[in-house]
């Protein structure tokens, strides 16, 4: 599922695997492994991929529908 999401974000931005891998400074084969899910992707790398493709990572509290973004993690009340 994560691999399909990575591929979707990359293709949505009309990037080849090589272009995105070069931007992220990772091997093209590493990105390929992420997309076919033969290698797990770390949360940190997933955030970097999302940001490179102009997506954001958000968490939604299903009870309150409150949305938290990674930038919220720096808030003192969290």
N, C-alpha and C. Protein backbone atom coordinates (compact mmCIF):
# COMPACT_ATOMS: atom_id res chain seq x y z
N UNK A 1 0.81 -1.19 0.00
CA UNK A 1 0.00 0.00 0.00
C UNK A 1 0.86 1.26 0.00
N UNK A 2 1.91 1.29 0.82
CA UNK A 2 2.79 2.47 0.87
C UNK A 2 3.48 2.64 -0.48
N UNK A 3 3.89 1.53 -1.07
CA UNK A 3 4.55 1.59 -2.37
C UNK A 3 3.66 2.23 -3.43
N UNK A 4 2.38 1.87 -3.42
CA UNK A 4 1.45 2.45 -4.39
C UNK A 4 1.29 3.95 -4.13
N UNK A 5 1.30 4.34 -2.88
CA UNK A 5 1.19 5.76 -2.53
C UNK A 5 2.41 6.53 -3.00
N UNK A 6 3.59 5.97 -2.82
CA UNK A 6 4.82 6.61 -3.28
C UNK A 6 4.78 6.78 -4.80
N UNK A 7 4.40 5.72 -5.48
CA UNK A 7 4.32 5.77 -6.95
C UNK A 7 3.29 6.82 -7.39
N UNK A 8 2.13 6.86 -6.72
CA UNK A 8 1.09 7.84 -7.05
C UNK A 8 1.62 9.26 -6.90
N UNK A 9 2.27 9.55 -5.77
CA UNK A 9 2.78 10.91 -5.54
C UNK A 9 3.83 11.27 -6.59
N UNK A 10 4.71 10.33 -6.90
CA UNK A 10 5.77 10.58 -7.88
C UNK A 10 5.17 10.86 -9.25
N UNK A 11 4.25 10.00 -9.67
CA UNK A 11 3.64 10.17 -11.00
C UNK A 11 2.77 11.42 -11.07
N UNK A 12 2.12 11.77 -9.97
CA UNK A 12 1.28 12.98 -9.93
C UNK A 12 2.12 14.21 -10.22
N UNK A 13 3.39 14.14 -9.85
CA UNK A 13 4.31 15.26 -10.08
C UNK A 13 5.15 15.06 -11.33
N UNK A 14 4.78 14.06 -12.13
CA UNK A 14 5.45 13.79 -13.41
C UNK A 14 6.96 13.61 -13.24
N UNK A 15 7.33 12.88 -12.19
CA UNK A 15 8.74 12.61 -11.92
C UNK A 15 9.05 11.16 -12.26
N UNK A 16 10.21 10.94 -12.83
CA UNK A 16 10.68 9.57 -13.02
C UNK A 16 11.27 9.10 -11.70
N UNK A 17 11.45 7.79 -11.59
CA UNK A 17 12.10 7.27 -10.38
C UNK A 17 13.48 7.88 -10.21
N UNK A 18 14.20 8.00 -11.31
CA UNK A 18 15.56 8.55 -11.24
C UNK A 18 15.54 10.00 -10.76
N UNK A 19 14.61 10.79 -11.28
CA UNK A 19 14.54 12.21 -10.86
C UNK A 19 14.26 12.33 -9.37
N UNK A 20 13.29 11.56 -8.88
CA UNK A 20 12.96 11.63 -7.46
C UNK A 20 14.10 11.07 -6.61
N UNK A 21 14.67 9.98 -7.03
CA UNK A 21 15.79 9.39 -6.28
C UNK A 21 16.97 10.35 -6.22
N UNK A 22 17.28 10.99 -7.33
CA UNK A 22 18.37 11.97 -7.35
C UNK A 22 18.08 13.12 -6.40
N UNK A 23 16.85 13.61 -6.41
CA UNK A 23 16.47 14.71 -5.53
C UNK A 23 16.61 14.31 -4.06
N UNK A 24 16.22 13.08 -3.74
CA UNK A 24 16.28 12.58 -2.36
C UNK A 24 17.67 12.11 -1.97
N UNK A 25 18.56 12.04 -2.96
CA UNK A 25 19.92 11.53 -2.78
C UNK A 25 19.92 10.09 -2.26
N UNK A 26 19.09 9.29 -2.91
CA UNK A 26 19.07 7.85 -2.64
C UNK A 26 19.25 7.14 -3.97
N UNK A 27 19.59 5.87 -3.92
CA UNK A 27 19.77 5.10 -5.15
C UNK A 27 18.41 4.88 -5.82
N UNK A 28 18.43 4.89 -7.15
CA UNK A 28 17.21 4.64 -7.90
C UNK A 28 16.61 3.28 -7.53
N UNK A 29 17.47 2.28 -7.32
CA UNK A 29 16.97 0.95 -6.97
C UNK A 29 16.31 0.95 -5.59
N UNK A 30 16.75 1.82 -4.70
CA UNK A 30 16.11 1.92 -3.38
C UNK A 30 14.68 2.42 -3.54
N UNK A 31 14.50 3.46 -4.33
CA UNK A 31 13.15 3.98 -4.57
C UNK A 31 12.29 2.93 -5.26
N UNK A 32 12.87 2.20 -6.19
CA UNK A 32 12.14 1.13 -6.87
C UNK A 32 11.69 0.08 -5.87
N UNK A 33 12.57 -0.30 -4.95
CA UNK A 33 12.22 -1.29 -3.92
C UNK A 33 11.08 -0.76 -3.03
N UNK A 34 11.10 0.52 -2.71
CA UNK A 34 10.02 1.10 -1.93
C UNK A 34 8.69 0.96 -2.66
N UNK A 35 8.71 1.27 -3.97
CA UNK A 35 7.47 1.26 -4.75
C UNK A 35 6.89 -0.14 -4.92
N UNK A 36 7.73 -1.14 -5.05
CA UNK A 36 7.21 -2.51 -5.20
C UNK A 36 7.12 -3.23 -3.86
N UNK A 37 7.46 -2.51 -2.82
CA UNK A 37 7.36 -2.98 -1.43
C UNK A 37 8.21 -4.20 -1.14
N UNK A 38 9.36 -4.28 -1.79
CA UNK A 38 10.30 -5.35 -1.45
C UNK A 38 11.27 -4.88 -0.37
N UNK A 39 11.18 -3.60 -0.04
CA UNK A 39 11.96 -3.02 1.06
C UNK A 39 11.07 -2.02 1.77
N UNK A 40 11.10 -2.06 3.09
CA UNK A 40 10.30 -1.12 3.86
C UNK A 40 10.91 0.28 3.84
N UNK A 41 10.05 1.26 3.90
CA UNK A 41 10.51 2.65 3.92
C UNK A 41 10.34 3.20 5.33
N UNK A 42 11.34 3.91 5.81
CA UNK A 42 11.24 4.49 7.15
C UNK A 42 10.27 5.65 7.13
N UNK A 43 9.75 5.99 8.30
CA UNK A 43 8.83 7.12 8.39
C UNK A 43 9.51 8.40 7.92
N UNK A 44 10.76 8.57 8.31
CA UNK A 44 11.51 9.77 7.91
C UNK A 44 11.65 9.88 6.40
N UNK A 45 11.96 8.76 5.75
CA UNK A 45 12.07 8.77 4.29
C UNK A 45 10.71 9.00 3.64
N UNK A 46 9.66 8.46 4.24
CA UNK A 46 8.31 8.67 3.69
C UNK A 46 7.95 10.15 3.75
N UNK A 47 8.31 10.82 4.83
CA UNK A 47 8.05 12.26 4.96
C UNK A 47 8.83 13.01 3.89
N UNK A 48 10.09 12.65 3.69
CA UNK A 48 10.92 13.32 2.68
C UNK A 48 10.34 13.12 1.28
N UNK A 49 9.86 11.92 0.98
CA UNK A 49 9.26 11.64 -0.32
C UNK A 49 8.00 12.48 -0.50
N UNK A 50 7.15 12.49 0.52
CA UNK A 50 5.91 13.27 0.45
C UNK A 50 6.21 14.75 0.21
N UNK A 51 7.14 15.29 0.97
CA UNK A 51 7.47 16.71 0.83
C UNK A 51 8.07 17.01 -0.54
N UNK A 52 8.89 16.10 -1.05
CA UNK A 52 9.48 16.30 -2.38
C UNK A 52 8.42 16.31 -3.47
N UNK A 53 7.30 15.63 -3.21
CA UNK A 53 6.21 15.56 -4.18
C UNK A 53 5.08 16.53 -3.85
N UNK A 54 5.36 17.50 -2.98
CA UNK A 54 4.38 18.52 -2.59
C UNK A 54 3.14 17.95 -1.91
N UNK A 55 3.33 16.92 -1.11
CA UNK A 55 2.29 16.37 -0.26
C UNK A 55 2.68 16.63 1.19
N UNK A 56 1.71 16.57 2.08
CA UNK A 56 2.02 16.72 3.50
C UNK A 56 1.54 15.48 4.24
N UNK A 57 2.14 15.23 5.37
CA UNK A 57 1.77 14.10 6.22
C UNK A 57 0.91 14.66 7.34
N UNK A 58 -0.28 14.11 7.47
CA UNK A 58 -1.21 14.57 8.50
C UNK A 58 -1.75 13.38 9.26
N UNK A 59 -2.10 13.64 10.51
CA UNK A 59 -2.73 12.64 11.35
C UNK A 59 -4.06 13.21 11.80
N UNK A 60 -5.10 12.39 11.75
CA UNK A 60 -6.43 12.85 12.12
C UNK A 60 -6.89 12.05 13.33
N UNK A 61 -7.30 12.76 14.37
CA UNK A 61 -7.89 12.13 15.55
C UNK A 61 -9.31 11.72 15.15
N UNK A 62 -9.55 10.44 15.06
CA UNK A 62 -10.85 9.95 14.58
C UNK A 62 -12.00 10.27 15.53
N UNK A 63 -11.70 10.55 16.78
CA UNK A 63 -12.76 10.89 17.73
C UNK A 63 -13.19 12.35 17.59
N UNK A 64 -12.22 13.22 17.36
CA UNK A 64 -12.53 14.66 17.33
C UNK A 64 -12.39 15.28 15.95
N UNK A 65 -11.84 14.52 15.01
CA UNK A 65 -11.53 15.01 13.66
C UNK A 65 -10.50 16.12 13.66
N UNK A 66 -9.78 16.29 14.76
CA UNK A 66 -8.70 17.27 14.82
C UNK A 66 -7.54 16.77 13.97
N UNK A 67 -6.97 17.67 13.20
CA UNK A 67 -5.88 17.33 12.29
C UNK A 67 -4.56 17.83 12.87
N UNK A 68 -3.58 16.95 12.88
CA UNK A 68 -2.24 17.30 13.33
C UNK A 68 -1.28 17.12 12.17
N UNK A 69 -0.42 18.08 11.96
CA UNK A 69 0.62 17.98 10.95
C UNK A 69 1.97 17.85 11.65
N UNK A 70 2.97 17.48 10.92
CA UNK A 70 4.28 17.30 11.53
C UNK A 70 4.77 18.59 12.18
N UNK A 71 4.41 19.73 11.60
CA UNK A 71 4.82 21.00 12.19
C UNK A 71 4.18 21.20 13.56
N UNK A 72 3.05 20.56 13.82
CA UNK A 72 2.39 20.66 15.12
C UNK A 72 3.19 19.98 16.22
N UNK A 73 4.06 19.08 15.86
CA UNK A 73 4.82 18.33 16.87
C UNK A 73 5.77 19.24 17.64
N UNK A 74 6.00 20.44 17.12
CA UNK A 74 6.86 21.40 17.81
C UNK A 74 6.08 22.27 18.80
N UNK A 75 4.75 22.13 18.77
CA UNK A 75 3.92 22.92 19.68
C UNK A 75 4.15 22.49 21.11
N UNK A 76 4.09 23.41 22.04
CA UNK A 76 4.33 23.10 23.44
C UNK A 76 3.14 22.38 24.09
N UNK A 77 1.93 22.54 23.54
CA UNK A 77 0.77 21.92 24.15
C UNK A 77 0.54 20.48 23.71
N UNK A 78 1.40 19.97 22.85
CA UNK A 78 1.23 18.60 22.36
C UNK A 78 2.16 17.68 23.10
